[in-house]
Amino acid sequence: MAARWASMWSSAARGRGLGPGRGNFLRQVSHYLIQYATWIPPLICFNLYVAEVTFIRGPSMYPFFNPHYNESLRQDLCLVWKLYAQEDLRRGMIVVFRKPSDPTKTSVKRIVGLPGDVVRTRPPYPYEHVTVPEGHVWVEGDHADRSLDSNAYGPISARLITGKVTHVLAPWGRAGRVKWWEHPLREGVFRSM
C-alpha cells in the first residue's frame, strides 16, 4: 500500500497524473486548497476580532444561561460579539472578559456597576461598599452562591473585556437575542449617572 502511494506521489510530481481518466493529482489538490483553504485565514480573523460562537459553561450565570444546569449536561451555545467590545458598556450587559487572576482564561458575567457607581458588595469582598474606579466595571454572576466575580477580585479593568454576549444560538427553544436590558438591576447599586 505504501509503495502504491509513493508511486502516485512520484507520478504526480512528474506531471503524469494518476492514470487514464483520473486527471492530474496536483491540479486536483491545488483546486481544493484554493477552494477551501483560502477561507481559513478570513475565518480565523473573524473569530479573533469580530465574533465568536462559544458554549457558556458552569453555573455562575444560572438560570439566565444553562437553565437546565441541575438536570442535564446541556450548555447554551452563544454568539459573542468582539468588535468594539469595550465601548458603550451598560449595566445589565453580559460580557466575556479575561480573568484578572489568570489572563489566559475567560469568564462570563453581568455588568452590575459602571465607573463612579457605589456597589454594596457581598462576601468575600473585604469592604461593605466600593466605588467603581474610572475605566473599570463591577461584574457579578447571576448565581451569587456559585460565582467567582468582582466580589472575589474587585472591579475589573474594562480593557479585560473581550466580547459581549448578544445571542443564544442553541438550544433552539431559547434561541434569540440576549435581552440584557430586561434583566432587573441588582439592589445595592447606587448609580453615578
Protein backbone atom coordinates (compact mmCIF):
# COMPACT_ATOMS: atom_id res chain seq x y z
CA MET A 1 0.00 0.00 0.00
CA ALA A 2 2.80 2.42 0.93
CA ALA A 3 4.54 1.62 -2.35
CA ARG A 4 1.34 2.49 -4.25
CA TRP A 5 1.07 5.89 -2.52
CA ALA A 6 4.74 6.60 -3.18
CA SER A 7 4.20 5.69 -6.83
CA MET A 8 1.18 8.02 -7.09
CA TRP A 9 3.10 10.91 -5.49
CA SER A 10 6.14 10.43 -7.72
CA SER A 11 3.94 10.12 -10.80
CA ALA A 12 2.04 13.28 -9.80
CA ALA A 13 5.29 15.11 -9.18
CA ARG A 14 6.45 14.21 -12.69
CA GLY A 15 3.17 15.63 -14.01
CA ARG A 16 1.79 12.36 -15.37
CA GLY A 17 -1.34 12.33 -13.20
CA LEU A 18 -2.81 9.21 -11.62
CA GLY A 19 -3.62 7.27 -14.72
CA PRO A 20 -6.16 7.40 -17.50
CA GLY A 21 -9.33 9.39 -16.73
CA ARG A 22 -8.26 10.47 -13.23
CA GLY A 23 -6.69 13.88 -14.00
CA ASN A 24 -3.62 15.39 -12.54
CA PHE A 25 -3.32 14.78 -8.80
CA LEU A 26 -1.53 18.04 -8.06
CA ARG A 27 -4.08 20.01 -10.04
CA GLN A 28 -6.89 18.45 -8.01
CA VAL A 29 -5.14 19.12 -4.70
CA SER A 30 -4.39 22.72 -5.63
CA HIS A 31 -8.00 23.19 -6.76
CA TYR A 32 -9.29 22.03 -3.34
CA LEU A 33 -6.71 24.10 -1.49
CA ILE A 34 -7.70 27.24 -3.38
CA GLN A 35 -11.38 26.46 -2.97
CA TYR A 36 -11.33 25.68 0.77
CA ALA A 37 -8.05 26.70 2.40
CA THR A 38 -8.35 30.32 1.30
CA TRP A 39 -11.31 30.66 3.67
CA ILE A 40 -9.27 29.67 6.73
CA PRO A 41 -7.38 32.98 7.33
CA PRO A 42 -10.54 35.16 7.00
CA LEU A 43 -12.43 32.81 9.34
CA ILE A 44 -9.63 32.96 11.90
CA CYS A 45 -9.56 36.78 11.73
CA PHE A 46 -13.37 36.92 12.02
CA ASN A 47 -13.26 34.62 15.05
CA LEU A 48 -10.47 36.60 16.75
CA TYR A 49 -11.67 40.15 16.12
CA VAL A 50 -15.35 40.26 15.11
CA ALA A 51 -17.47 37.46 16.60
CA GLU A 52 -17.15 34.01 18.10
CA VAL A 53 -19.55 31.14 18.78
CA THR A 54 -18.93 29.64 22.21
CA PHE A 55 -20.52 27.46 24.89
CA ILE A 56 -21.40 29.03 28.25
CA ARG A 57 -20.00 26.64 30.83
CA GLY A 58 -20.62 26.41 34.54
CA PRO A 59 -23.36 27.52 36.92
CA SER A 60 -22.35 31.15 37.54
CA MET A 61 -24.92 32.62 35.11
CA TYR A 62 -27.70 30.17 36.07
CA PRO A 63 -30.65 30.48 35.42
CA PHE A 64 -30.18 33.13 32.68
CA PHE A 65 -27.81 30.77 30.85
CA ASN A 66 -27.87 26.99 31.23
CA PRO A 67 -31.34 26.91 32.84
CA HIS A 68 -31.18 23.09 32.96
CA TYR A 69 -27.79 23.08 34.69
CA ASN A 70 -29.03 20.87 37.53
CA GLU A 71 -30.89 18.49 35.19
CA SER A 72 -28.54 17.81 32.27
CA LEU A 73 -25.10 18.44 30.80
CA ARG A 74 -26.56 20.61 28.03
CA GLN A 75 -24.94 24.04 27.71
CA ASP A 76 -26.10 27.19 25.96
CA LEU A 77 -24.32 27.98 22.69
CA CYS A 78 -23.97 31.74 22.32
CA LEU A 79 -22.68 34.38 19.92
CA VAL A 80 -20.07 36.69 21.45
CA TRP A 81 -19.63 40.00 19.60
CA LYS A 82 -15.99 41.10 19.92
CA LEU A 83 -15.87 44.16 17.70
CA TYR A 84 -15.72 47.31 19.88
CA ALA A 85 -16.34 45.12 22.95
CA GLN A 86 -15.08 47.74 25.41
CA GLU A 87 -17.28 50.56 24.13
CA ASP A 88 -20.80 51.57 25.19
CA LEU A 89 -20.91 49.31 28.25
CA ARG A 90 -24.18 49.34 30.21
CA ARG A 91 -25.48 47.91 33.45
CA GLY A 92 -27.04 44.52 32.84
CA MET A 93 -24.90 43.61 29.79
CA ILE A 94 -23.33 40.17 29.80
CA VAL A 95 -19.65 40.30 28.89
CA VAL A 96 -16.77 37.93 28.32
CA PHE A 97 -13.50 39.06 29.91
CA ARG A 98 -10.06 37.78 30.78
CA LYS A 99 -9.85 36.72 34.42
CA PRO A 100 -7.70 39.13 36.44
CA SER A 101 -6.16 36.20 38.32
CA ASP A 102 -5.34 34.22 35.14
CA PRO A 103 -5.45 36.21 31.87
CA THR A 104 -5.18 33.01 29.81
CA LYS A 105 -8.76 32.11 30.86
CA THR A 106 -12.03 33.90 30.22
CA SER A 107 -15.18 34.32 32.26
CA VAL A 108 -18.78 35.35 31.52
CA LYS A 109 -20.54 37.73 33.92
CA ARG A 110 -23.09 40.54 34.04
CA ILE A 111 -22.06 44.18 34.44
CA VAL A 112 -23.55 45.43 37.72
CA GLY A 113 -21.68 48.70 38.22
CA LEU A 114 -20.10 51.30 35.95
CA PRO A 115 -17.38 53.86 36.77
CA GLY A 116 -18.47 56.10 39.64
CA ASP A 117 -21.20 53.72 40.89
CA VAL A 118 -21.19 52.74 44.56
CA VAL A 119 -21.83 49.00 44.95
CA ARG A 120 -22.84 47.20 48.13
CA THR A 121 -20.56 44.17 47.99
CA ARG A 122 -21.07 40.57 49.01
CA PRO A 123 -18.69 38.26 50.86
CA PRO A 124 -15.76 37.59 50.49
CA TYR A 125 -15.09 41.22 49.48
CA PRO A 126 -13.37 42.89 52.47
CA TYR A 127 -15.39 46.15 52.42
CA GLU A 128 -19.14 46.69 52.60
CA HIS A 129 -19.20 49.30 49.80
CA VAL A 130 -16.91 50.07 46.90
CA THR A 131 -16.83 52.91 44.38
CA VAL A 132 -16.08 51.60 40.89
CA PRO A 133 -13.00 53.46 39.62
CA GLU A 134 -12.75 55.15 36.21
CA GLY A 135 -12.02 52.66 33.42
CA HIS A 136 -13.37 49.72 35.45
CA VAL A 137 -16.65 47.82 35.84
CA TRP A 138 -18.14 45.67 38.60
CA VAL A 139 -19.21 42.24 37.31
CA GLU A 140 -21.21 39.50 39.02
CA GLY A 141 -22.70 36.16 38.10
CA ASP A 142 -26.45 35.69 38.32
CA HIS A 143 -26.00 32.69 40.62
CA ALA A 144 -24.31 34.51 43.51
CA ASP A 145 -23.51 31.38 45.53
CA ARG A 146 -21.59 29.72 42.68
CA SER A 147 -19.86 32.69 41.04
CA LEU A 148 -16.26 33.85 41.23
CA ASP A 149 -16.71 37.51 40.32
CA SER A 150 -15.85 41.07 41.42
CA ASN A 151 -16.82 40.16 44.98
CA ALA A 152 -13.70 37.98 44.95
CA TYR A 153 -11.27 40.08 42.90
CA GLY A 154 -12.73 43.60 42.90
CA PRO A 155 -13.59 45.87 39.97
CA ILE A 156 -12.11 44.72 36.67
CA SER A 157 -10.49 46.92 34.07
CA ALA A 158 -12.73 47.49 31.05
CA ARG A 159 -9.67 46.62 28.96
CA LEU A 160 -10.06 42.97 30.05
CA ILE A 161 -13.44 42.74 28.29
CA THR A 162 -13.11 40.78 25.05
CA GLY A 163 -16.76 40.49 23.97
CA LYS A 164 -20.47 40.96 24.65
CA VAL A 165 -22.87 38.01 24.62
CA THR A 166 -25.53 39.05 22.11
CA HIS A 167 -27.46 35.92 21.06
CA VAL A 168 -28.32 32.43 22.27
CA LEU A 169 -27.94 30.04 19.30
CA ALA A 170 -28.88 26.74 20.98
CA PRO A 171 -30.92 25.08 22.39
CA TRP A 172 -33.42 26.00 19.70
CA GLY A 173 -36.25 26.66 22.16
CA ARG A 174 -34.25 29.51 23.72
CA ALA A 175 -32.55 30.81 20.58
CA GLY A 176 -32.69 34.54 20.04
CA ARG A 177 -31.26 37.85 21.13
CA VAL A 178 -30.00 38.24 24.70
CA LYS A 179 -32.32 40.88 26.18
CA TRP A 180 -29.96 42.12 28.89
CA TRP A 181 -31.89 45.39 29.27
CA GLU A 182 -34.94 43.48 30.59
CA HIS A 183 -32.97 41.99 33.47
CA PRO A 184 -33.66 43.78 36.78
CA LEU A 185 -30.69 45.67 38.13
CA ARG A 186 -29.21 44.39 41.35
CA GLU A 187 -30.25 46.11 44.56
CA GLY A 188 -27.46 47.86 46.39
CA VAL A 189 -26.03 49.66 43.37
CA PHE A 190 -26.13 53.44 43.64
CA ARG A 191 -25.70 54.89 40.16
CA SER A 192 -23.43 57.81 39.49
CA MET A 193 -25.43 58.87 36.42
